[in-house]
Amino acid sequence: MKALGAAGAATFLILASAWAWGGEPVVAPAPARPAPTAGDWTIWPSTGRRAEAQPVQASVAEPAEPEIDVVDAHWMALTMWGEARGQGEEAMRAVGHVIDNRRRAGMHGAFVTDTVGEAFQFSCWNPGDPNRAAMENVDRLAEGSREHRMWRAARRIADEILAGQSADPTGGALFYHSLDVAPRWSAGIEPVAQIGGHLFFRSARS
């Protein structure tokens, strides 16, 4: 029997799938991938490449859980932790909602990874910032330490925000800065909230 060419082999596989399922092609599910960790730092954001999103599948049980982009959730949690872990869960949640508000506004990329990776928008990602080194080593935190507990809280809060299960304590803020600085972009603008050590704003001077 002669070997099938590439096109013939593809056609044969499609037909075989259809025959096996009464006319419907069989599509093999994608293999499961583990959630990203701090090791992904080697490919993002330094090279500008974003890992493929691997949504968390909704549970079969009712009610179905919303799908969450675990890549976005990971980088939101990292940024929240890097920016506000010393101020408690409410402060981290506020930072997370600013990230989400920016993403939803469409001005800072379609994904959380785009939003937090924009240069000099979140100080924890700035070169030389001590929080950046801490974030790169988040997977080495001592189990049970306060830093580790806050990291687990940040991951939970990020999931809640991206699933639409978190109320925004900032009232739709797109910007914030710490209490100990007075940047030009916020001069004369009334903050909409003060949470932890940050002031939050809906607008900024250009």
N, C-alpha and C. Protein backbone atom coordinates (compact mmCIF):
# COMPACT_ATOMS: atom_id res chain seq x y z
N MET A 1 0.85 -1.19 0.00
CA MET A 1 0.00 0.00 0.00
C MET A 1 0.88 1.24 0.00
N LYS A 2 0.57 2.20 -0.91
CA LYS A 2 1.39 3.39 -1.01
C LYS A 2 1.17 4.28 0.20
N ALA A 3 2.25 4.97 0.64
CA ALA A 3 2.16 5.89 1.79
C ALA A 3 1.34 7.10 1.40
N LEU A 4 0.54 7.59 2.32
CA LEU A 4 -0.26 8.79 2.06
C LEU A 4 0.62 10.02 2.06
N GLY A 5 0.34 10.97 1.17
CA GLY A 5 1.03 12.24 1.24
C GLY A 5 0.53 13.04 2.42
N ALA A 6 1.15 14.21 2.69
CA ALA A 6 0.79 15.03 3.85
C ALA A 6 -0.68 15.46 3.78
N ALA A 7 -1.11 15.91 2.59
CA ALA A 7 -2.49 16.36 2.45
C ALA A 7 -3.46 15.21 2.61
N GLY A 8 -3.09 14.03 2.02
CA GLY A 8 -3.95 12.86 2.12
C GLY A 8 -4.07 12.38 3.54
N ALA A 9 -2.97 12.40 4.24
CA ALA A 9 -2.99 11.95 5.64
C ALA A 9 -3.87 12.85 6.48
N ALA A 10 -3.79 14.17 6.26
CA ALA A 10 -4.62 15.10 7.01
C ALA A 10 -6.09 14.85 6.73
N THR A 11 -6.43 14.65 5.45
CA THR A 11 -7.82 14.38 5.06
C THR A 11 -8.33 13.11 5.70
N PHE A 12 -7.48 12.08 5.69
CA PHE A 12 -7.86 10.80 6.28
C PHE A 12 -8.16 10.94 7.77
N LEU A 13 -7.33 11.70 8.47
CA LEU A 13 -7.53 11.88 9.92
C LEU A 13 -8.83 12.61 10.21
N ILE A 14 -9.13 13.64 9.39
CA ILE A 14 -10.37 14.39 9.58
C ILE A 14 -11.58 13.50 9.37
N LEU A 15 -11.55 12.70 8.28
CA LEU A 15 -12.66 11.80 7.98
C LEU A 15 -12.81 10.75 9.06
N ALA A 16 -11.69 10.20 9.52
CA ALA A 16 -11.75 9.18 10.57
C ALA A 16 -12.37 9.75 11.84
N SER A 17 -12.04 10.99 12.16
CA SER A 17 -12.62 11.63 13.34
C SER A 17 -14.13 11.77 13.17
N ALA A 18 -14.51 12.21 11.99
CA ALA A 18 -15.94 12.40 11.73
C ALA A 18 -16.69 11.08 11.82
N TRP A 19 -16.13 10.01 11.24
CA TRP A 19 -16.79 8.70 11.29
C TRP A 19 -16.93 8.22 12.73
N ALA A 20 -15.91 8.46 13.52
CA ALA A 20 -15.92 7.94 14.89
C ALA A 20 -16.98 8.60 15.74
N TRP A 21 -17.36 9.85 15.41
CA TRP A 21 -18.29 10.59 16.25
C TRP A 21 -19.53 11.05 15.47
N GLY A 22 -19.96 10.25 14.54
CA GLY A 22 -21.20 10.56 13.84
C GLY A 22 -21.17 11.85 13.08
N GLY A 23 -20.04 12.18 12.48
CA GLY A 23 -19.95 13.38 11.65
C GLY A 23 -19.29 14.56 12.32
N GLU A 24 -19.02 14.49 13.63
CA GLU A 24 -18.38 15.61 14.33
C GLU A 24 -16.89 15.34 14.49
N PRO A 25 -16.02 16.26 14.10
CA PRO A 25 -14.58 16.05 14.27
C PRO A 25 -14.21 15.91 15.74
N VAL A 26 -13.23 15.09 16.00
CA VAL A 26 -12.74 14.90 17.36
C VAL A 26 -11.59 15.87 17.59
N VAL A 27 -11.67 16.68 18.61
CA VAL A 27 -10.62 17.64 18.93
C VAL A 27 -9.99 17.23 20.25
N ALA A 28 -8.70 16.92 20.22
CA ALA A 28 -8.01 16.50 21.43
C ALA A 28 -7.82 17.71 22.34
N PRO A 29 -8.10 17.55 23.66
CA PRO A 29 -7.90 18.68 24.57
C PRO A 29 -6.44 19.03 24.72
N ALA A 30 -6.16 20.34 24.94
CA ALA A 30 -4.78 20.76 25.15
C ALA A 30 -4.26 20.21 26.46
N PRO A 31 -3.00 19.79 26.51
CA PRO A 31 -2.45 19.29 27.77
C PRO A 31 -2.46 20.36 28.85
N ALA A 32 -2.71 19.94 30.08
CA ALA A 32 -2.74 20.88 31.19
C ALA A 32 -1.36 21.48 31.40
N ARG A 33 -1.33 22.78 31.73
CA ARG A 33 -0.06 23.45 32.00
C ARG A 33 -0.08 23.98 33.42
N PRO A 34 1.03 23.89 34.12
CA PRO A 34 1.06 24.44 35.48
C PRO A 34 0.96 25.95 35.47
N ALA A 35 0.44 26.50 36.57
CA ALA A 35 0.37 27.95 36.70
C ALA A 35 1.76 28.54 36.69
N PRO A 36 1.93 29.76 36.14
CA PRO A 36 3.25 30.38 36.09
C PRO A 36 3.77 30.70 37.48
N THR A 37 5.06 30.73 37.63
CA THR A 37 5.68 31.07 38.90
C THR A 37 6.66 32.21 38.66
N ALA A 38 7.36 32.59 39.71
CA ALA A 38 8.33 33.67 39.58
C ALA A 38 9.42 33.32 38.58
N GLY A 39 9.59 32.03 38.25
CA GLY A 39 10.59 31.64 37.26
C GLY A 39 10.28 32.18 35.88
N ASP A 40 9.01 32.55 35.64
CA ASP A 40 8.64 33.12 34.34
C ASP A 40 9.28 34.48 34.12
N TRP A 41 9.89 35.05 35.15
CA TRP A 41 10.56 36.35 35.03
C TRP A 41 11.58 36.32 33.90
N THR A 42 12.14 35.14 33.60
CA THR A 42 13.17 35.04 32.56
C THR A 42 12.61 35.36 31.18
N ILE A 43 11.27 35.26 30.99
CA ILE A 43 10.70 35.54 29.68
C ILE A 43 9.80 36.77 29.68
N TRP A 44 9.48 37.31 30.88
CA TRP A 44 8.61 38.48 30.92
C TRP A 44 8.90 39.25 32.18
N PRO A 45 8.94 40.60 32.18
CA PRO A 45 8.74 41.43 31.00
C PRO A 45 10.02 41.81 30.29
N SER A 46 11.17 41.24 30.68
CA SER A 46 12.44 41.70 30.13
C SER A 46 12.54 41.54 28.62
N THR A 47 11.88 40.51 28.05
CA THR A 47 11.94 40.32 26.61
C THR A 47 10.69 40.80 25.90
N GLY A 48 9.73 41.27 26.68
CA GLY A 48 8.51 41.78 26.07
C GLY A 48 7.57 40.70 25.59
N ARG A 49 7.82 39.41 25.93
CA ARG A 49 6.94 38.35 25.49
C ARG A 49 6.02 37.94 26.62
N ARG A 50 4.76 37.70 26.28
CA ARG A 50 3.78 37.31 27.28
C ARG A 50 3.50 35.83 27.14
N ALA A 51 3.51 35.12 28.26
CA ALA A 51 3.19 33.70 28.24
C ALA A 51 1.73 33.51 27.81
N GLU A 52 1.44 32.38 27.17
CA GLU A 52 0.07 32.13 26.76
C GLU A 52 -0.83 32.00 27.98
N ALA A 53 -2.01 32.59 27.88
CA ALA A 53 -2.96 32.48 28.99
C ALA A 53 -3.49 31.06 29.06
N GLN A 54 -3.60 30.53 30.26
CA GLN A 54 -4.19 29.23 30.47
C GLN A 54 -5.33 29.41 31.45
N PRO A 55 -6.57 29.60 30.96
CA PRO A 55 -7.67 29.89 31.87
C PRO A 55 -7.97 28.73 32.81
N VAL A 56 -8.40 29.08 34.00
CA VAL A 56 -8.85 28.07 34.94
C VAL A 56 -10.21 27.59 34.48
N GLN A 57 -10.36 26.29 34.27
CA GLN A 57 -11.61 25.75 33.75
C GLN A 57 -12.71 25.82 34.81
N ALA A 58 -13.90 26.17 34.35
CA ALA A 58 -15.02 26.23 35.26
C ALA A 58 -15.34 24.85 35.80
N SER A 59 -15.77 24.79 37.02
CA SER A 59 -16.10 23.53 37.66
C SER A 59 -17.36 22.95 37.03
N VAL A 60 -17.45 21.62 37.00
CA VAL A 60 -18.64 20.96 36.48
C VAL A 60 -19.82 21.17 37.41
N ALA A 61 -19.52 21.28 38.71
CA ALA A 61 -20.58 21.47 39.69
C ALA A 61 -21.20 22.85 39.53
N GLU A 62 -22.45 22.97 39.91
CA GLU A 62 -23.14 24.26 39.86
C GLU A 62 -22.97 24.97 41.19
N PRO A 63 -22.85 26.32 41.22
CA PRO A 63 -22.76 27.15 40.02
C PRO A 63 -21.36 27.12 39.44
N ALA A 64 -21.26 27.31 38.13
CA ALA A 64 -19.97 27.25 37.46
C ALA A 64 -19.08 28.41 37.89
N GLU A 65 -17.81 28.13 38.07
CA GLU A 65 -16.85 29.16 38.44
C GLU A 65 -16.46 29.96 37.19
N PRO A 66 -16.25 31.26 37.32
CA PRO A 66 -15.81 32.06 36.16
C PRO A 66 -14.39 31.67 35.75
N GLU A 67 -14.11 31.81 34.46
CA GLU A 67 -12.77 31.52 33.98
C GLU A 67 -11.84 32.66 34.34
N ILE A 68 -10.63 32.32 34.77
CA ILE A 68 -9.64 33.32 35.16
C ILE A 68 -8.36 33.06 34.39
N ASP A 69 -7.82 34.09 33.80
CA ASP A 69 -6.53 34.00 33.12
C ASP A 69 -5.46 33.92 34.21
N VAL A 70 -4.88 32.74 34.40
CA VAL A 70 -3.95 32.57 35.52
C VAL A 70 -2.65 33.34 35.32
N VAL A 71 -2.29 33.64 34.09
CA VAL A 71 -1.10 34.46 33.86
C VAL A 71 -1.36 35.88 34.36
N ASP A 72 -2.51 36.45 33.98
CA ASP A 72 -2.87 37.78 34.47
C ASP A 72 -2.99 37.78 35.99
N ALA A 73 -3.62 36.75 36.55
CA ALA A 73 -3.80 36.67 38.00
C ALA A 73 -2.45 36.64 38.71
N HIS A 74 -1.49 35.91 38.14
CA HIS A 74 -0.17 35.80 38.75
C HIS A 74 0.53 37.16 38.79
N TRP A 75 0.52 37.88 37.67
CA TRP A 75 1.23 39.16 37.61
C TRP A 75 0.49 40.26 38.36
N MET A 76 -0.83 40.18 38.44
CA MET A 76 -1.56 41.11 39.29
C MET A 76 -1.19 40.88 40.75
N ALA A 77 -1.17 39.62 41.17
CA ALA A 77 -0.83 39.30 42.56
C ALA A 77 0.59 39.75 42.89
N LEU A 78 1.52 39.52 41.98
CA LEU A 78 2.90 39.95 42.21
C LEU A 78 2.99 41.46 42.40
N THR A 79 2.28 42.20 41.56
CA THR A 79 2.34 43.67 41.64
C THR A 79 1.68 44.17 42.92
N MET A 80 0.53 43.62 43.26
CA MET A 80 -0.14 43.99 44.50
C MET A 80 0.78 43.72 45.69
N TRP A 81 1.40 42.57 45.69
CA TRP A 81 2.29 42.18 46.79
C TRP A 81 3.50 43.09 46.84
N GLY A 82 4.09 43.38 45.67
CA GLY A 82 5.26 44.24 45.63
C GLY A 82 4.98 45.67 46.04
N GLU A 83 3.78 46.15 45.71
CA GLU A 83 3.45 47.54 45.99
C GLU A 83 2.93 47.79 47.40
N ALA A 84 2.18 46.82 47.97
CA ALA A 84 1.42 47.15 49.18
C ALA A 84 1.36 46.05 50.23
N ARG A 85 2.23 45.05 50.16
CA ARG A 85 2.13 43.95 51.13
C ARG A 85 2.31 44.41 52.57
N GLY A 86 3.05 45.49 52.79
CA GLY A 86 3.28 45.97 54.14
C GLY A 86 2.11 46.73 54.73
N GLN A 87 1.07 46.98 53.91
CA GLN A 87 -0.07 47.79 54.35
C GLN A 87 -1.35 46.99 54.55
N GLY A 88 -1.29 45.70 54.30
CA GLY A 88 -2.44 44.85 54.54
C GLY A 88 -3.25 44.53 53.30
N GLU A 89 -4.25 43.66 53.48
CA GLU A 89 -5.04 43.16 52.36
C GLU A 89 -5.85 44.25 51.67
N GLU A 90 -6.42 45.19 52.44
CA GLU A 90 -7.22 46.24 51.82
C GLU A 90 -6.37 47.08 50.86
N ALA A 91 -5.14 47.36 51.25
CA ALA A 91 -4.25 48.15 50.40
C ALA A 91 -3.87 47.38 49.14
N MET A 92 -3.61 46.08 49.28
CA MET A 92 -3.30 45.27 48.10
C MET A 92 -4.51 45.20 47.17
N ARG A 93 -5.68 45.07 47.73
CA ARG A 93 -6.90 45.01 46.90
C ARG A 93 -7.06 46.32 46.11
N ALA A 94 -6.78 47.44 46.76
CA ALA A 94 -6.90 48.73 46.09
C ALA A 94 -5.94 48.82 44.90
N VAL A 95 -4.71 48.38 45.09
CA VAL A 95 -3.74 48.38 43.99
C VAL A 95 -4.22 47.45 42.87
N GLY A 96 -4.74 46.29 43.25
CA GLY A 96 -5.25 45.36 42.24
C GLY A 96 -6.37 45.96 41.42
N HIS A 97 -7.25 46.73 42.04
CA HIS A 97 -8.35 47.33 41.30
C HIS A 97 -7.86 48.45 40.38
N VAL A 98 -6.84 49.17 40.77
CA VAL A 98 -6.27 50.16 39.86
C VAL A 98 -5.73 49.45 38.61
N ILE A 99 -5.04 48.35 38.82
CA ILE A 99 -4.54 47.56 37.67
C ILE A 99 -5.70 47.15 36.78
N ASP A 100 -6.76 46.62 37.38
CA ASP A 100 -7.91 46.15 36.61
C ASP A 100 -8.63 47.30 35.94
N ASN A 101 -8.75 48.44 36.63
CA ASN A 101 -9.40 49.61 36.02
C ASN A 101 -8.63 50.08 34.79
N ARG A 102 -7.31 50.07 34.89
CA ARG A 102 -6.49 50.48 33.74
C ARG A 102 -6.67 49.51 32.58
N ARG A 103 -6.67 48.23 32.89
CA ARG A 103 -6.87 47.23 31.83
C ARG A 103 -8.22 47.41 31.17
N ARG A 104 -9.25 47.59 31.96
CA ARG A 104 -10.59 47.76 31.41
C ARG A 104 -10.74 49.05 30.61
N ALA A 105 -10.01 50.08 31.01
CA ALA A 105 -10.08 51.35 30.29
C ALA A 105 -9.45 51.27 28.91
N GLY A 106 -8.62 50.26 28.70
CA GLY A 106 -8.01 50.07 27.39
C GLY A 106 -6.87 51.01 27.08
N MET A 107 -6.39 51.74 28.07
CA MET A 107 -5.31 52.70 27.83
C MET A 107 -3.93 52.12 28.13
N HIS A 108 -3.91 50.97 28.76
CA HIS A 108 -2.64 50.41 29.21
C HIS A 108 -2.54 48.93 28.85
N GLY A 109 -2.99 48.56 27.67
CA GLY A 109 -2.90 47.18 27.21
C GLY A 109 -4.14 46.37 27.53
N ALA A 110 -4.29 45.26 26.81
CA ALA A 110 -5.47 44.42 26.96
C ALA A 110 -5.33 43.40 28.08
N PHE A 111 -4.10 43.15 28.52
CA PHE A 111 -3.85 42.17 29.56
C PHE A 111 -3.20 42.82 30.77
N VAL A 112 -3.34 42.20 31.93
CA VAL A 112 -2.68 42.68 33.14
C VAL A 112 -1.17 42.74 32.93
N THR A 113 -0.63 41.77 32.23
CA THR A 113 0.81 41.76 31.98
C THR A 113 1.25 43.00 31.23
N ASP A 114 0.42 43.47 30.28
CA ASP A 114 0.73 44.71 29.57
C ASP A 114 0.66 45.91 30.52
N THR A 115 -0.36 45.90 31.35
CA THR A 115 -0.61 47.04 32.24
C THR A 115 0.51 47.22 33.25
N VAL A 116 0.87 46.14 33.94
CA VAL A 116 1.90 46.28 34.98
C VAL A 116 3.30 46.36 34.40
N GLY A 117 3.45 45.92 33.14
CA GLY A 117 4.76 45.96 32.52
C GLY A 117 5.10 47.28 31.86
N GLU A 118 4.13 48.20 31.81
CA GLU A 118 4.40 49.50 31.21
C GLU A 118 5.44 50.24 32.04
N ALA A 119 6.42 50.79 31.39
CA ALA A 119 7.57 51.37 32.08
C ALA A 119 7.18 52.45 33.08
N PHE A 120 7.71 52.32 34.29
CA PHE A 120 7.62 53.34 35.34
C PHE A 120 6.19 53.67 35.75
N GLN A 121 5.29 52.70 35.65
CA GLN A 121 3.91 52.89 36.11
C GLN A 121 3.69 52.31 37.50
N PHE A 122 4.38 51.23 37.81
CA PHE A 122 4.31 50.61 39.13
C PHE A 122 5.74 50.47 39.64
N SER A 123 6.03 51.20 40.70
CA SER A 123 7.43 51.36 41.13
C SER A 123 8.10 50.05 41.50
N CYS A 124 7.32 49.05 41.91
CA CYS A 124 7.93 47.77 42.30
C CYS A 124 8.65 47.10 41.14
N TRP A 125 8.30 47.47 39.90
CA TRP A 125 8.96 46.88 38.74
C TRP A 125 10.16 47.70 38.25
N ASN A 126 10.38 48.87 38.84
CA ASN A 126 11.48 49.72 38.39
C ASN A 126 12.83 49.06 38.64
N PRO A 127 13.78 49.21 37.74
CA PRO A 127 15.12 48.67 37.96
C PRO A 127 15.72 49.25 39.25
N GLY A 128 16.24 48.40 40.08
CA GLY A 128 16.86 48.84 41.32
C GLY A 128 15.92 48.94 42.49
N ASP A 129 14.61 48.86 42.27
CA ASP A 129 13.68 48.91 43.39
C ASP A 129 13.82 47.62 44.21
N PRO A 130 13.95 47.72 45.53
CA PRO A 130 14.14 46.51 46.34
C PRO A 130 12.96 45.55 46.27
N ASN A 131 11.78 46.06 45.98
CA ASN A 131 10.62 45.18 45.87
C ASN A 131 10.72 44.26 44.66
N ARG A 132 11.41 44.73 43.64
CA ARG A 132 11.55 43.89 42.44
C ARG A 132 12.35 42.63 42.76
N ALA A 133 13.42 42.77 43.51
CA ALA A 133 14.21 41.61 43.90
C ALA A 133 13.39 40.66 44.76
N ALA A 134 12.56 41.22 45.65
CA ALA A 134 11.71 40.39 46.49
C ALA A 134 10.69 39.63 45.64
N MET A 135 10.14 40.27 44.62
CA MET A 135 9.17 39.63 43.75
C MET A 135 9.81 38.50 42.95
N GLU A 136 11.03 38.69 42.53
CA GLU A 136 11.73 37.65 41.76
C GLU A 136 11.96 36.40 42.61
N ASN A 137 11.95 36.56 43.92
CA ASN A 137 12.22 35.44 44.82
C ASN A 137 11.00 35.05 45.64
N VAL A 138 9.81 35.37 45.14
CA VAL A 138 8.60 35.12 45.91
C VAL A 138 8.38 33.63 46.13
N ASP A 139 8.88 32.80 45.24
CA ASP A 139 8.69 31.36 45.42
C ASP A 139 9.63 30.77 46.47
N ARG A 140 10.49 31.60 47.05
CA ARG A 140 11.41 31.13 48.08
C ARG A 140 11.01 31.64 49.47
N LEU A 141 9.82 32.23 49.59
CA LEU A 141 9.38 32.75 50.88
C LEU A 141 9.20 31.61 51.88
N ALA A 142 9.56 31.88 53.12
CA ALA A 142 9.42 30.87 54.17
C ALA A 142 7.95 30.59 54.45
N GLU A 143 7.57 29.33 54.40
CA GLU A 143 6.19 28.93 54.68
C GLU A 143 5.77 29.44 56.06
N GLY A 144 4.61 30.10 56.12
CA GLY A 144 4.09 30.58 57.39
C GLY A 144 4.56 31.96 57.78
N SER A 145 5.55 32.52 57.08
CA SER A 145 6.01 33.87 57.38
C SER A 145 4.95 34.88 56.97
N ARG A 146 5.04 36.11 57.52
CA ARG A 146 4.07 37.13 57.15
C ARG A 146 4.12 37.41 55.66
N GLU A 147 5.33 37.47 55.10
CA GLU A 147 5.47 37.72 53.67
C GLU A 147 4.76 36.64 52.85
N HIS A 148 4.89 35.40 53.30
CA HIS A 148 4.25 34.29 52.59
C HIS A 148 2.73 34.36 52.72
N ARG A 149 2.25 34.71 53.91
CA ARG A 149 0.80 34.84 54.11
C ARG A 149 0.24 35.95 53.23
N MET A 150 0.96 37.05 53.11
CA MET A 150 0.50 38.14 52.27
C MET A 150 0.54 37.76 50.79
N TRP A 151 1.51 36.94 50.41
CA TRP A 151 1.57 36.47 49.02
C TRP A 151 0.36 35.59 48.70
N ARG A 152 0.01 34.70 49.64
CA ARG A 152 -1.18 33.88 49.43
C ARG A 152 -2.43 34.74 49.36
N ALA A 153 -2.52 35.76 50.21
CA ALA A 153 -3.66 36.67 50.18
C ALA A 153 -3.72 37.42 48.85
N ALA A 154 -2.57 37.86 48.35
CA ALA A 154 -2.53 38.58 47.07
C ALA A 154 -3.04 37.70 45.93
N ARG A 155 -2.68 36.44 45.94
CA ARG A 155 -3.15 35.52 44.89
C ARG A 155 -4.66 35.34 44.98
N ARG A 156 -5.19 35.21 46.19
CA ARG A 156 -6.64 35.06 46.36
C ARG A 156 -7.36 36.33 45.90
N ILE A 157 -6.86 37.48 46.29
CA ILE A 157 -7.51 38.75 45.93
C ILE A 157 -7.48 38.96 44.42
N ALA A 158 -6.37 38.62 43.77
CA ALA A 158 -6.28 38.76 42.32
C ALA A 158 -7.33 37.91 41.63
N ASP A 159 -7.53 36.68 42.12
CA ASP A 159 -8.57 35.82 41.55
C ASP A 159 -9.94 36.45 41.73
N GLU A 160 -10.20 37.02 42.90
CA GLU A 160 -11.50 37.64 43.16
C GLU A 160 -11.74 38.83 42.24
N ILE A 161 -10.72 39.66 42.04
CA ILE A 161 -10.86 40.83 41.18
C ILE A 161 -11.14 40.41 39.74
N LEU A 162 -10.36 39.49 39.22
CA LEU A 162 -10.51 39.08 37.82
C LEU A 162 -11.79 38.29 37.59
N ALA A 163 -12.34 37.69 38.65
CA ALA A 163 -13.61 36.97 38.53
C ALA A 163 -14.81 37.88 38.74
N GLY A 164 -14.56 39.18 38.99
CA GLY A 164 -15.65 40.12 39.21
C GLY A 164 -16.32 39.94 40.56
N GLN A 165 -15.59 39.40 41.53
CA GLN A 165 -16.15 39.12 42.85
C GLN A 165 -15.56 40.02 43.93
N SER A 166 -15.06 41.18 43.55
CA SER A 166 -14.45 42.10 44.50
C SER A 166 -14.97 43.51 44.25
N ALA A 167 -15.43 44.18 45.30
CA ALA A 167 -15.86 45.57 45.18
C ALA A 167 -14.63 46.48 45.14
N ASP A 168 -14.68 47.47 44.26
CA ASP A 168 -13.55 48.37 44.08
C ASP A 168 -13.53 49.43 45.19
N PRO A 169 -12.58 49.37 46.11
CA PRO A 169 -12.54 50.37 47.19
C PRO A 169 -12.02 51.72 46.74
N THR A 170 -11.50 51.81 45.50
CA THR A 170 -10.93 53.07 45.02
C THR A 170 -11.92 53.92 44.25
N GLY A 171 -13.12 53.40 44.00
CA GLY A 171 -14.11 54.17 43.25
C GLY A 171 -13.72 54.41 41.80
N GLY A 172 -13.01 53.45 41.21
CA GLY A 172 -12.65 53.58 39.79
C GLY A 172 -11.35 54.30 39.53
N ALA A 173 -10.47 54.38 40.52
CA ALA A 173 -9.20 55.09 40.35
C ALA A 173 -8.32 54.43 39.30
N LEU A 174 -7.58 55.28 38.58
CA LEU A 174 -6.63 54.81 37.57
C LEU A 174 -5.19 55.11 37.96
N PHE A 175 -5.01 55.90 39.01
CA PHE A 175 -3.67 56.33 39.42
C PHE A 175 -3.58 56.33 40.94
N TYR A 176 -2.37 56.23 41.46
CA TYR A 176 -2.15 56.40 42.89
C TYR A 176 -0.69 56.72 43.14
N HIS A 177 -0.43 57.26 44.31
CA HIS A 177 0.95 57.43 44.73
C HIS A 177 1.01 57.36 46.25
N SER A 178 2.19 57.12 46.78
CA SER A 178 2.34 57.01 48.23
C SER A 178 2.21 58.38 48.89
N LEU A 179 1.91 58.37 50.17
CA LEU A 179 1.68 59.61 50.91
C LEU A 179 2.94 60.47 51.04
N ASP A 180 4.10 59.85 50.91
CA ASP A 180 5.35 60.59 51.16
C ASP A 180 5.95 61.21 49.91
N VAL A 181 5.20 61.24 48.80
CA VAL A 181 5.68 61.91 47.59
C VAL A 181 4.59 62.86 47.09
N ALA A 182 4.97 63.82 46.26
CA ALA A 182 4.02 64.77 45.67
C ALA A 182 4.36 64.95 44.20
N PRO A 183 4.00 63.97 43.37
CA PRO A 183 4.36 64.06 41.94
C PRO A 183 3.60 65.18 41.22
N ARG A 184 4.18 65.69 40.16
CA ARG A 184 3.58 66.79 39.39
C ARG A 184 2.23 66.38 38.81
N TRP A 185 2.08 65.10 38.45
CA TRP A 185 0.85 64.68 37.78
C TRP A 185 -0.39 64.76 38.67
N SER A 186 -0.20 64.82 40.01
CA SER A 186 -1.36 64.88 40.90
C SER A 186 -1.59 66.26 41.50
N ALA A 187 -0.77 67.24 41.12
CA ALA A 187 -0.88 68.58 41.70
C ALA A 187 -2.25 69.18 41.43
N GLY A 188 -2.95 69.58 42.49
CA GLY A 188 -4.23 70.23 42.35
C GLY A 188 -5.40 69.30 42.10
N ILE A 189 -5.16 68.00 42.05
CA ILE A 189 -6.23 67.03 41.80
C ILE A 189 -6.66 66.42 43.13
N GLU A 190 -7.95 66.37 43.36
CA GLU A 190 -8.48 65.83 44.60
C GLU A 190 -8.46 64.30 44.55
N PRO A 191 -7.85 63.65 45.52
CA PRO A 191 -7.87 62.18 45.52
C PRO A 191 -9.28 61.67 45.82
N VAL A 192 -9.61 60.50 45.27
CA VAL A 192 -10.92 59.91 45.52
C VAL A 192 -10.90 58.99 46.73
N ALA A 193 -9.71 58.59 47.17
CA ALA A 193 -9.61 57.70 48.32
C ALA A 193 -8.20 57.72 48.87
N GLN A 194 -8.10 57.45 50.16
CA GLN A 194 -6.81 57.17 50.79
C GLN A 194 -6.92 55.82 51.44
N ILE A 195 -6.10 54.88 50.98
CA ILE A 195 -6.14 53.51 51.48
C ILE A 195 -4.72 53.10 51.80
N GLY A 196 -4.50 52.67 53.04
CA GLY A 196 -3.15 52.33 53.45
C GLY A 196 -2.27 53.55 53.32
N GLY A 197 -1.14 53.39 52.69
CA GLY A 197 -0.21 54.49 52.52
C GLY A 197 -0.29 55.14 51.16
N HIS A 198 -1.44 55.02 50.46
CA HIS A 198 -1.56 55.55 49.11
C HIS A 198 -2.77 56.46 48.97
N LEU A 199 -2.63 57.46 48.10
CA LEU A 199 -3.74 58.30 47.65
C LEU A 199 -4.13 57.85 46.25
N PHE A 200 -5.43 57.80 45.97
CA PHE A 200 -5.92 57.28 44.69
C PHE A 200 -6.66 58.38 43.93
N PHE A 201 -6.48 58.37 42.60
CA PHE A 201 -7.02 59.41 41.73
C PHE A 201 -7.67 58.80 40.50
N ARG A 202 -8.72 59.47 40.01
CA ARG A 202 -9.35 59.03 38.76
C ARG A 202 -8.68 59.64 37.54
N SER A 203 -7.98 60.76 37.73
CA SER A 203 -7.34 61.44 36.60
C SER A 203 -5.96 61.91 37.01
N ALA A 204 -5.19 62.33 36.01
CA ALA A 204 -3.82 62.81 36.25
C ALA A 204 -3.50 63.91 35.25
N ARG A 205 -2.61 64.81 35.66
CA ARG A 205 -2.14 65.86 34.74
C ARG A 205 -1.23 65.23 33.69
N SER A 206 -1.35 65.71 32.48
CA SER A 206 -0.50 65.20 31.41
C SER A 206 0.87 65.87 31.45
